[in-house]
Amino acid sequence: MQQFLRACHDTVKDYGAEKLAGQMGLPHVSLLQRANPDNDSHRLTINHLYQILLHTGDLRPLQELAHSFGFHLVAREVAPEECLANATLAMASEAADVTKAAIEALADGVVTRMECKRIEREGEEAKNKIDVVIATARAKVGGH
């Protein structure tokens, strides 16, 4: 826990407490007190942590939290498509596959383990296509 708190504090200090506090709508002294791992009377809230991660882009606190539970934080890579319309159509097709698998599973009123696995597989493919649509839209912001 101490290393997680230290990572939060280091992130606040490295980014600049005054700048970050302004973005968070807090007095910088309050932010420094809350982020100080040696100050037991003030603590960061989940909302504060989220804002620190969001505004700084520094994921050291999240990495330290994951590490303390035995996990590694790995960024997900999603490549955008050339055409947003095509990406959207591919996503809709995958969503239709999820719907079809669920309807077929419900046909006899009992969902088997195999049917559940198929729905999960189709759902994962649909989620991946949603990520591609989002990445494509972000890549097109301000462009043509």
N, C-alpha and C. Protein backbone atom coordinates (compact mmCIF):
# COMPACT_ATOMS: atom_id res chain seq x y z
N MET A 1 0.83 -1.19 0.00
CA MET A 1 0.00 0.00 0.00
C MET A 1 0.87 1.25 0.00
N GLN A 2 1.95 1.20 0.73
CA GLN A 2 2.83 2.37 0.83
C GLN A 2 3.41 2.74 -0.54
N GLN A 3 3.77 1.73 -1.34
CA GLN A 3 4.33 2.03 -2.66
C GLN A 3 3.27 2.62 -3.60
N PHE A 4 2.03 2.17 -3.46
CA PHE A 4 0.94 2.74 -4.24
C PHE A 4 0.75 4.21 -3.87
N LEU A 5 0.70 4.49 -2.58
CA LEU A 5 0.54 5.87 -2.12
C LEU A 5 1.71 6.74 -2.56
N ARG A 6 2.91 6.18 -2.52
CA ARG A 6 4.10 6.91 -2.95
C ARG A 6 4.02 7.20 -4.45
N ALA A 7 3.54 6.25 -5.23
CA ALA A 7 3.40 6.46 -6.68
C ALA A 7 2.40 7.57 -6.97
N CYS A 8 1.30 7.63 -6.21
CA CYS A 8 0.33 8.72 -6.36
C CYS A 8 0.98 10.06 -6.07
N HIS A 9 1.72 10.12 -4.97
CA HIS A 9 2.40 11.35 -4.56
C HIS A 9 3.43 11.79 -5.60
N ASP A 10 4.22 10.85 -6.06
CA ASP A 10 5.24 11.16 -7.07
C ASP A 10 4.61 11.68 -8.36
N THR A 11 3.49 11.09 -8.74
CA THR A 11 2.80 11.53 -9.95
C THR A 11 2.32 12.97 -9.81
N VAL A 12 1.73 13.29 -8.66
CA VAL A 12 1.25 14.65 -8.40
C VAL A 12 2.41 15.64 -8.44
N LYS A 13 3.50 15.29 -7.78
CA LYS A 13 4.65 16.20 -7.72
C LYS A 13 5.32 16.35 -9.08
N ASP A 14 5.49 15.25 -9.81
CA ASP A 14 6.16 15.29 -11.10
C ASP A 14 5.37 16.08 -12.14
N TYR A 15 4.04 15.97 -12.09
CA TYR A 15 3.19 16.68 -13.05
C TYR A 15 3.10 18.16 -12.72
N GLY A 16 3.16 18.45 -11.45
CA GLY A 16 3.01 19.82 -10.96
C GLY A 16 1.70 19.94 -10.19
N ALA A 17 1.81 20.03 -8.89
CA ALA A 17 0.62 20.02 -8.03
C ALA A 17 -0.31 21.18 -8.33
N GLU A 18 0.24 22.36 -8.59
CA GLU A 18 -0.62 23.52 -8.85
C GLU A 18 -1.41 23.35 -10.14
N LYS A 19 -0.73 22.91 -11.18
CA LYS A 19 -1.40 22.71 -12.48
C LYS A 19 -2.47 21.63 -12.35
N LEU A 20 -2.11 20.50 -11.75
CA LEU A 20 -3.04 19.38 -11.61
C LEU A 20 -4.23 19.75 -10.72
N ALA A 21 -3.96 20.41 -9.61
CA ALA A 21 -5.04 20.80 -8.70
C ALA A 21 -6.04 21.71 -9.41
N GLY A 22 -5.54 22.61 -10.24
CA GLY A 22 -6.42 23.48 -11.01
C GLY A 22 -7.32 22.69 -11.94
N GLN A 23 -6.76 21.66 -12.57
CA GLN A 23 -7.55 20.82 -13.47
C GLN A 23 -8.58 19.99 -12.70
N MET A 24 -8.26 19.69 -11.44
CA MET A 24 -9.15 18.87 -10.62
C MET A 24 -10.15 19.70 -9.83
N GLY A 25 -9.96 21.02 -9.81
CA GLY A 25 -10.85 21.88 -9.05
C GLY A 25 -10.59 21.83 -7.56
N LEU A 26 -9.34 21.65 -7.18
CA LEU A 26 -8.93 21.59 -5.78
C LEU A 26 -7.86 22.64 -5.51
N PRO A 27 -7.76 23.12 -4.28
CA PRO A 27 -6.58 23.92 -3.92
C PRO A 27 -5.35 23.02 -3.96
N HIS A 28 -4.23 23.54 -4.45
CA HIS A 28 -3.05 22.67 -4.58
C HIS A 28 -2.54 22.18 -3.23
N VAL A 29 -2.72 22.96 -2.19
CA VAL A 29 -2.29 22.53 -0.85
C VAL A 29 -3.11 21.31 -0.42
N SER A 30 -4.40 21.33 -0.71
CA SER A 30 -5.27 20.20 -0.38
C SER A 30 -4.84 18.95 -1.14
N LEU A 31 -4.53 19.11 -2.43
CA LEU A 31 -4.09 17.97 -3.23
C LEU A 31 -2.79 17.40 -2.68
N LEU A 32 -1.85 18.26 -2.35
CA LEU A 32 -0.58 17.79 -1.80
C LEU A 32 -0.78 17.07 -0.47
N GLN A 33 -1.68 17.59 0.38
CA GLN A 33 -1.96 16.92 1.66
C GLN A 33 -2.58 15.55 1.43
N ARG A 34 -3.53 15.49 0.50
CA ARG A 34 -4.21 14.23 0.24
C ARG A 34 -3.27 13.20 -0.39
N ALA A 35 -2.36 13.66 -1.22
CA ALA A 35 -1.45 12.75 -1.91
C ALA A 35 -0.24 12.35 -1.06
N ASN A 36 -0.01 13.05 0.03
CA ASN A 36 1.15 12.77 0.87
C ASN A 36 0.98 11.42 1.57
N PRO A 37 1.82 10.43 1.27
CA PRO A 37 1.67 9.11 1.87
C PRO A 37 1.98 9.10 3.37
N ASP A 38 2.60 10.14 3.87
CA ASP A 38 2.94 10.21 5.29
C ASP A 38 1.89 10.96 6.10
N ASN A 39 0.81 11.40 5.46
CA ASN A 39 -0.24 12.15 6.14
C ASN A 39 -1.45 11.24 6.32
N ASP A 40 -1.65 10.74 7.54
CA ASP A 40 -2.74 9.81 7.80
C ASP A 40 -4.10 10.49 7.93
N SER A 41 -4.11 11.81 8.08
CA SER A 41 -5.39 12.49 8.29
C SER A 41 -6.08 12.88 6.99
N HIS A 42 -5.38 12.82 5.87
CA HIS A 42 -5.97 13.12 4.57
C HIS A 42 -5.66 11.98 3.61
N ARG A 43 -6.65 11.60 2.81
CA ARG A 43 -6.45 10.52 1.83
C ARG A 43 -7.09 10.90 0.50
N LEU A 44 -6.52 10.39 -0.56
CA LEU A 44 -7.10 10.55 -1.88
C LEU A 44 -8.35 9.67 -2.00
N THR A 45 -9.35 10.18 -2.67
CA THR A 45 -10.53 9.36 -2.96
C THR A 45 -10.32 8.68 -4.31
N ILE A 46 -11.18 7.76 -4.62
CA ILE A 46 -11.14 7.10 -5.94
C ILE A 46 -11.32 8.15 -7.03
N ASN A 47 -12.20 9.11 -6.80
CA ASN A 47 -12.41 10.20 -7.77
C ASN A 47 -11.11 10.98 -7.99
N HIS A 48 -10.40 11.26 -6.91
CA HIS A 48 -9.12 11.96 -7.04
C HIS A 48 -8.13 11.14 -7.85
N LEU A 49 -8.04 9.85 -7.54
CA LEU A 49 -7.12 8.97 -8.27
C LEU A 49 -7.46 8.96 -9.75
N TYR A 50 -8.74 8.82 -10.06
CA TYR A 50 -9.16 8.81 -11.46
C TYR A 50 -8.74 10.10 -12.16
N GLN A 51 -8.96 11.23 -11.52
CA GLN A 51 -8.61 12.50 -12.12
C GLN A 51 -7.09 12.65 -12.29
N ILE A 52 -6.34 12.15 -11.32
CA ILE A 52 -4.87 12.19 -11.43
C ILE A 52 -4.43 11.39 -12.66
N LEU A 53 -4.97 10.19 -12.83
CA LEU A 53 -4.62 9.35 -13.97
C LEU A 53 -5.06 10.01 -15.28
N LEU A 54 -6.27 10.56 -15.29
CA LEU A 54 -6.83 11.17 -16.48
C LEU A 54 -6.03 12.39 -16.92
N HIS A 55 -5.76 13.29 -16.00
CA HIS A 55 -5.11 14.55 -16.36
C HIS A 55 -3.61 14.41 -16.61
N THR A 56 -2.96 13.53 -15.87
CA THR A 56 -1.50 13.41 -16.04
C THR A 56 -1.12 12.41 -17.11
N GLY A 57 -1.96 11.41 -17.33
CA GLY A 57 -1.59 10.34 -18.25
C GLY A 57 -0.51 9.44 -17.66
N ASP A 58 -0.13 9.68 -16.42
CA ASP A 58 0.91 8.92 -15.74
C ASP A 58 0.25 7.74 -15.03
N LEU A 59 0.56 6.55 -15.45
CA LEU A 59 -0.10 5.36 -14.92
C LEU A 59 0.67 4.65 -13.82
N ARG A 60 1.70 5.30 -13.28
CA ARG A 60 2.46 4.66 -12.19
C ARG A 60 1.58 4.22 -11.03
N PRO A 61 0.62 5.04 -10.58
CA PRO A 61 -0.23 4.57 -9.48
C PRO A 61 -1.02 3.31 -9.85
N LEU A 62 -1.57 3.29 -11.05
CA LEU A 62 -2.34 2.13 -11.49
C LEU A 62 -1.44 0.91 -11.64
N GLN A 63 -0.24 1.12 -12.17
CA GLN A 63 0.71 0.02 -12.31
C GLN A 63 1.10 -0.54 -10.95
N GLU A 64 1.30 0.33 -9.99
CA GLU A 64 1.68 -0.12 -8.64
C GLU A 64 0.54 -0.86 -7.98
N LEU A 65 -0.69 -0.39 -8.19
CA LEU A 65 -1.85 -1.07 -7.63
C LEU A 65 -1.99 -2.46 -8.23
N ALA A 66 -1.87 -2.57 -9.55
CA ALA A 66 -1.94 -3.87 -10.21
C ALA A 66 -0.83 -4.79 -9.70
N HIS A 67 0.37 -4.26 -9.58
CA HIS A 67 1.52 -5.04 -9.11
C HIS A 67 1.28 -5.59 -7.71
N SER A 68 0.68 -4.78 -6.85
CA SER A 68 0.46 -5.22 -5.46
C SER A 68 -0.52 -6.39 -5.39
N PHE A 69 -1.33 -6.59 -6.44
CA PHE A 69 -2.25 -7.72 -6.49
C PHE A 69 -1.75 -8.83 -7.40
N GLY A 70 -0.50 -8.72 -7.86
CA GLY A 70 0.10 -9.78 -8.67
C GLY A 70 -0.18 -9.69 -10.15
N PHE A 71 -0.55 -8.50 -10.63
CA PHE A 71 -0.84 -8.32 -12.05
C PHE A 71 0.13 -7.33 -12.68
N HIS A 72 0.21 -7.39 -14.01
CA HIS A 72 0.97 -6.41 -14.78
C HIS A 72 -0.02 -5.62 -15.62
N LEU A 73 0.20 -4.35 -15.71
CA LEU A 73 -0.63 -3.49 -16.53
C LEU A 73 -0.05 -3.45 -17.93
N VAL A 74 -0.85 -3.83 -18.91
CA VAL A 74 -0.39 -3.87 -20.29
C VAL A 74 -1.37 -3.07 -21.15
N ALA A 75 -0.86 -2.13 -21.91
CA ALA A 75 -1.72 -1.32 -22.77
C ALA A 75 -2.27 -2.17 -23.90
N ARG A 76 -3.51 -1.92 -24.23
CA ARG A 76 -4.17 -2.61 -25.33
C ARG A 76 -3.95 -1.82 -26.60
N GLU A 77 -3.53 -2.49 -27.64
CA GLU A 77 -3.29 -1.84 -28.93
C GLU A 77 -4.48 -2.10 -29.85
N VAL A 78 -5.09 -1.04 -30.34
CA VAL A 78 -6.20 -1.17 -31.28
C VAL A 78 -5.87 -0.31 -32.49
N ALA A 79 -5.77 -0.95 -33.64
CA ALA A 79 -5.45 -0.22 -34.87
C ALA A 79 -6.73 0.28 -35.51
N PRO A 80 -6.77 1.57 -35.85
CA PRO A 80 -7.96 2.10 -36.52
C PRO A 80 -8.05 1.62 -37.96
N GLU A 81 -9.26 1.60 -38.49
CA GLU A 81 -9.49 1.27 -39.90
C GLU A 81 -9.36 2.55 -40.72
N GLU A 82 -9.27 2.41 -42.02
CA GLU A 82 -9.23 3.57 -42.91
C GLU A 82 -10.58 4.28 -42.97
N CYS A 83 -11.64 3.50 -42.96
CA CYS A 83 -12.99 4.04 -43.18
C CYS A 83 -13.87 3.78 -41.96
N LEU A 84 -14.39 4.83 -41.37
CA LEU A 84 -15.26 4.70 -40.21
C LEU A 84 -16.54 3.95 -40.55
N ALA A 85 -17.09 4.18 -41.73
CA ALA A 85 -18.32 3.49 -42.13
C ALA A 85 -18.09 1.98 -42.21
N ASN A 86 -16.97 1.56 -42.78
CA ASN A 86 -16.68 0.13 -42.87
C ASN A 86 -16.46 -0.49 -41.50
N ALA A 87 -15.78 0.25 -40.62
CA ALA A 87 -15.57 -0.24 -39.26
C ALA A 87 -16.90 -0.40 -38.53
N THR A 88 -17.80 0.54 -38.76
CA THR A 88 -19.12 0.49 -38.13
C THR A 88 -19.93 -0.68 -38.66
N LEU A 89 -19.88 -0.92 -39.96
CA LEU A 89 -20.60 -2.06 -40.54
C LEU A 89 -20.06 -3.39 -40.00
N ALA A 90 -18.74 -3.48 -39.86
CA ALA A 90 -18.14 -4.71 -39.31
C ALA A 90 -18.59 -4.92 -37.87
N MET A 91 -18.67 -3.82 -37.10
CA MET A 91 -19.14 -3.91 -35.73
C MET A 91 -20.59 -4.39 -35.68
N ALA A 92 -21.43 -3.83 -36.55
CA ALA A 92 -22.84 -4.21 -36.58
C ALA A 92 -23.00 -5.69 -36.95
N SER A 93 -22.17 -6.16 -37.85
CA SER A 93 -22.21 -7.57 -38.24
C SER A 93 -21.87 -8.47 -37.06
N GLU A 94 -20.84 -8.08 -36.29
CA GLU A 94 -20.46 -8.86 -35.11
C GLU A 94 -21.56 -8.83 -34.05
N ALA A 95 -22.19 -7.66 -33.88
CA ALA A 95 -23.30 -7.55 -32.91
C ALA A 95 -24.45 -8.45 -33.33
N ALA A 96 -24.69 -8.55 -34.62
CA ALA A 96 -25.74 -9.44 -35.13
C ALA A 96 -25.39 -10.90 -34.83
N ASP A 97 -24.11 -11.25 -34.90
CA ASP A 97 -23.69 -12.62 -34.59
C ASP A 97 -23.96 -12.95 -33.11
N VAL A 98 -23.76 -11.98 -32.23
CA VAL A 98 -24.05 -12.18 -30.81
C VAL A 98 -25.55 -12.41 -30.63
N THR A 99 -26.33 -11.57 -31.28
CA THR A 99 -27.79 -11.68 -31.19
C THR A 99 -28.26 -13.05 -31.69
N LYS A 100 -27.73 -13.45 -32.83
CA LYS A 100 -28.11 -14.75 -33.42
C LYS A 100 -27.75 -15.90 -32.47
N ALA A 101 -26.56 -15.85 -31.90
CA ALA A 101 -26.13 -16.92 -30.99
C ALA A 101 -27.03 -16.96 -29.75
N ALA A 102 -27.40 -15.81 -29.23
CA ALA A 102 -28.27 -15.77 -28.05
C ALA A 102 -29.67 -16.28 -28.37
N ILE A 103 -30.21 -15.88 -29.51
CA ILE A 103 -31.56 -16.34 -29.91
C ILE A 103 -31.57 -17.85 -30.12
N GLU A 104 -30.54 -18.37 -30.76
CA GLU A 104 -30.46 -19.81 -30.97
C GLU A 104 -30.33 -20.56 -29.64
N ALA A 105 -29.59 -19.99 -28.70
CA ALA A 105 -29.43 -20.62 -27.40
C ALA A 105 -30.76 -20.64 -26.64
N LEU A 106 -31.57 -19.64 -26.83
CA LEU A 106 -32.85 -19.55 -26.13
C LEU A 106 -33.97 -20.35 -26.77
N ALA A 107 -33.73 -20.89 -27.95
CA ALA A 107 -34.77 -21.58 -28.71
C ALA A 107 -35.44 -22.71 -27.92
N ASP A 108 -34.67 -23.48 -27.17
CA ASP A 108 -35.25 -24.59 -26.41
C ASP A 108 -35.44 -24.25 -24.93
N GLY A 109 -35.15 -23.01 -24.57
CA GLY A 109 -35.35 -22.57 -23.19
C GLY A 109 -34.23 -22.92 -22.24
N VAL A 110 -33.18 -23.57 -22.73
CA VAL A 110 -32.05 -23.97 -21.90
C VAL A 110 -30.76 -23.54 -22.59
N VAL A 111 -29.90 -22.85 -21.87
CA VAL A 111 -28.61 -22.43 -22.42
C VAL A 111 -27.56 -23.44 -21.97
N THR A 112 -26.97 -24.14 -22.93
CA THR A 112 -25.94 -25.13 -22.61
C THR A 112 -24.59 -24.44 -22.46
N ARG A 113 -23.64 -25.18 -21.94
CA ARG A 113 -22.29 -24.66 -21.77
C ARG A 113 -21.68 -24.29 -23.12
N MET A 114 -21.94 -25.11 -24.13
CA MET A 114 -21.42 -24.84 -25.49
C MET A 114 -22.05 -23.56 -26.06
N GLU A 115 -23.35 -23.40 -25.85
CA GLU A 115 -24.02 -22.19 -26.33
C GLU A 115 -23.49 -20.95 -25.62
N CYS A 116 -23.27 -21.08 -24.34
CA CYS A 116 -22.72 -19.95 -23.57
C CYS A 116 -21.33 -19.59 -24.09
N LYS A 117 -20.50 -20.57 -24.37
CA LYS A 117 -19.15 -20.32 -24.91
C LYS A 117 -19.24 -19.62 -26.26
N ARG A 118 -20.19 -20.03 -27.08
CA ARG A 118 -20.36 -19.38 -28.39
C ARG A 118 -20.78 -17.92 -28.22
N ILE A 119 -21.70 -17.66 -27.30
CA ILE A 119 -22.12 -16.29 -27.04
C ILE A 119 -20.94 -15.46 -26.53
N GLU A 120 -20.14 -16.03 -25.63
CA GLU A 120 -18.96 -15.33 -25.12
C GLU A 120 -17.98 -15.02 -26.25
N ARG A 121 -17.72 -16.01 -27.12
CA ARG A 121 -16.79 -15.82 -28.23
C ARG A 121 -17.28 -14.73 -29.18
N GLU A 122 -18.57 -14.80 -29.53
CA GLU A 122 -19.14 -13.79 -30.42
C GLU A 122 -19.13 -12.42 -29.75
N GLY A 123 -19.38 -12.39 -28.45
CA GLY A 123 -19.36 -11.13 -27.71
C GLY A 123 -17.98 -10.50 -27.67
N GLU A 124 -16.95 -11.30 -27.49
CA GLU A 124 -15.57 -10.78 -27.49
C GLU A 124 -15.23 -10.19 -28.85
N GLU A 125 -15.65 -10.88 -29.92
CA GLU A 125 -15.39 -10.36 -31.26
C GLU A 125 -16.11 -9.03 -31.47
N ALA A 126 -17.34 -8.92 -30.97
CA ALA A 126 -18.09 -7.68 -31.10
C ALA A 126 -17.42 -6.56 -30.30
N LYS A 127 -16.95 -6.87 -29.08
CA LYS A 127 -16.27 -5.84 -28.27
C LYS A 127 -15.01 -5.35 -28.98
N ASN A 128 -14.29 -6.26 -29.61
CA ASN A 128 -13.09 -5.85 -30.35
C ASN A 128 -13.45 -4.91 -31.49
N LYS A 129 -14.54 -5.19 -32.18
CA LYS A 129 -14.97 -4.32 -33.30
C LYS A 129 -15.43 -2.96 -32.78
N ILE A 130 -16.06 -2.93 -31.60
CA ILE A 130 -16.43 -1.64 -30.99
C ILE A 130 -15.18 -0.82 -30.72
N ASP A 131 -14.14 -1.46 -30.20
CA ASP A 131 -12.88 -0.76 -29.95
C ASP A 131 -12.28 -0.20 -31.23
N VAL A 132 -12.41 -0.94 -32.33
CA VAL A 132 -11.90 -0.47 -33.62
C VAL A 132 -12.68 0.75 -34.09
N VAL A 133 -14.01 0.73 -33.92
CA VAL A 133 -14.83 1.88 -34.29
C VAL A 133 -14.39 3.11 -33.50
N ILE A 134 -14.20 2.94 -32.21
CA ILE A 134 -13.78 4.06 -31.36
C ILE A 134 -12.40 4.58 -31.78
N ALA A 135 -11.46 3.66 -32.00
CA ALA A 135 -10.11 4.06 -32.44
C ALA A 135 -10.16 4.77 -33.78
N THR A 136 -11.00 4.30 -34.68
CA THR A 136 -11.13 4.91 -36.00
C THR A 136 -11.72 6.32 -35.88
N ALA A 137 -12.74 6.45 -35.06
CA ALA A 137 -13.35 7.78 -34.88
C ALA A 137 -12.34 8.75 -34.28
N ARG A 138 -11.57 8.28 -33.30
CA ARG A 138 -10.54 9.16 -32.69
C ARG A 138 -9.49 9.56 -33.71
N ALA A 139 -9.13 8.63 -34.59
CA ALA A 139 -8.13 8.93 -35.61
C ALA A 139 -8.65 9.92 -36.65
N LYS A 140 -9.97 9.97 -36.81
CA LYS A 140 -10.59 10.85 -37.81
C LYS A 140 -10.93 12.23 -37.28
N VAL A 141 -10.81 12.46 -35.97
CA VAL A 141 -11.15 13.76 -35.39
C VAL A 141 -10.32 14.84 -36.08
N GLY A 142 -11.00 15.80 -36.66
CA GLY A 142 -10.31 16.90 -37.33
C GLY A 142 -9.83 16.56 -38.71
N GLY A 143 -9.94 15.30 -39.09
CA GLY A 143 -9.48 14.88 -40.43
C GLY A 143 -10.65 14.59 -41.34
N HIS A 144 -10.36 13.98 -42.46
CA HIS A 144 -11.43 13.66 -43.42
C HIS A 144 -11.50 12.20 -43.66
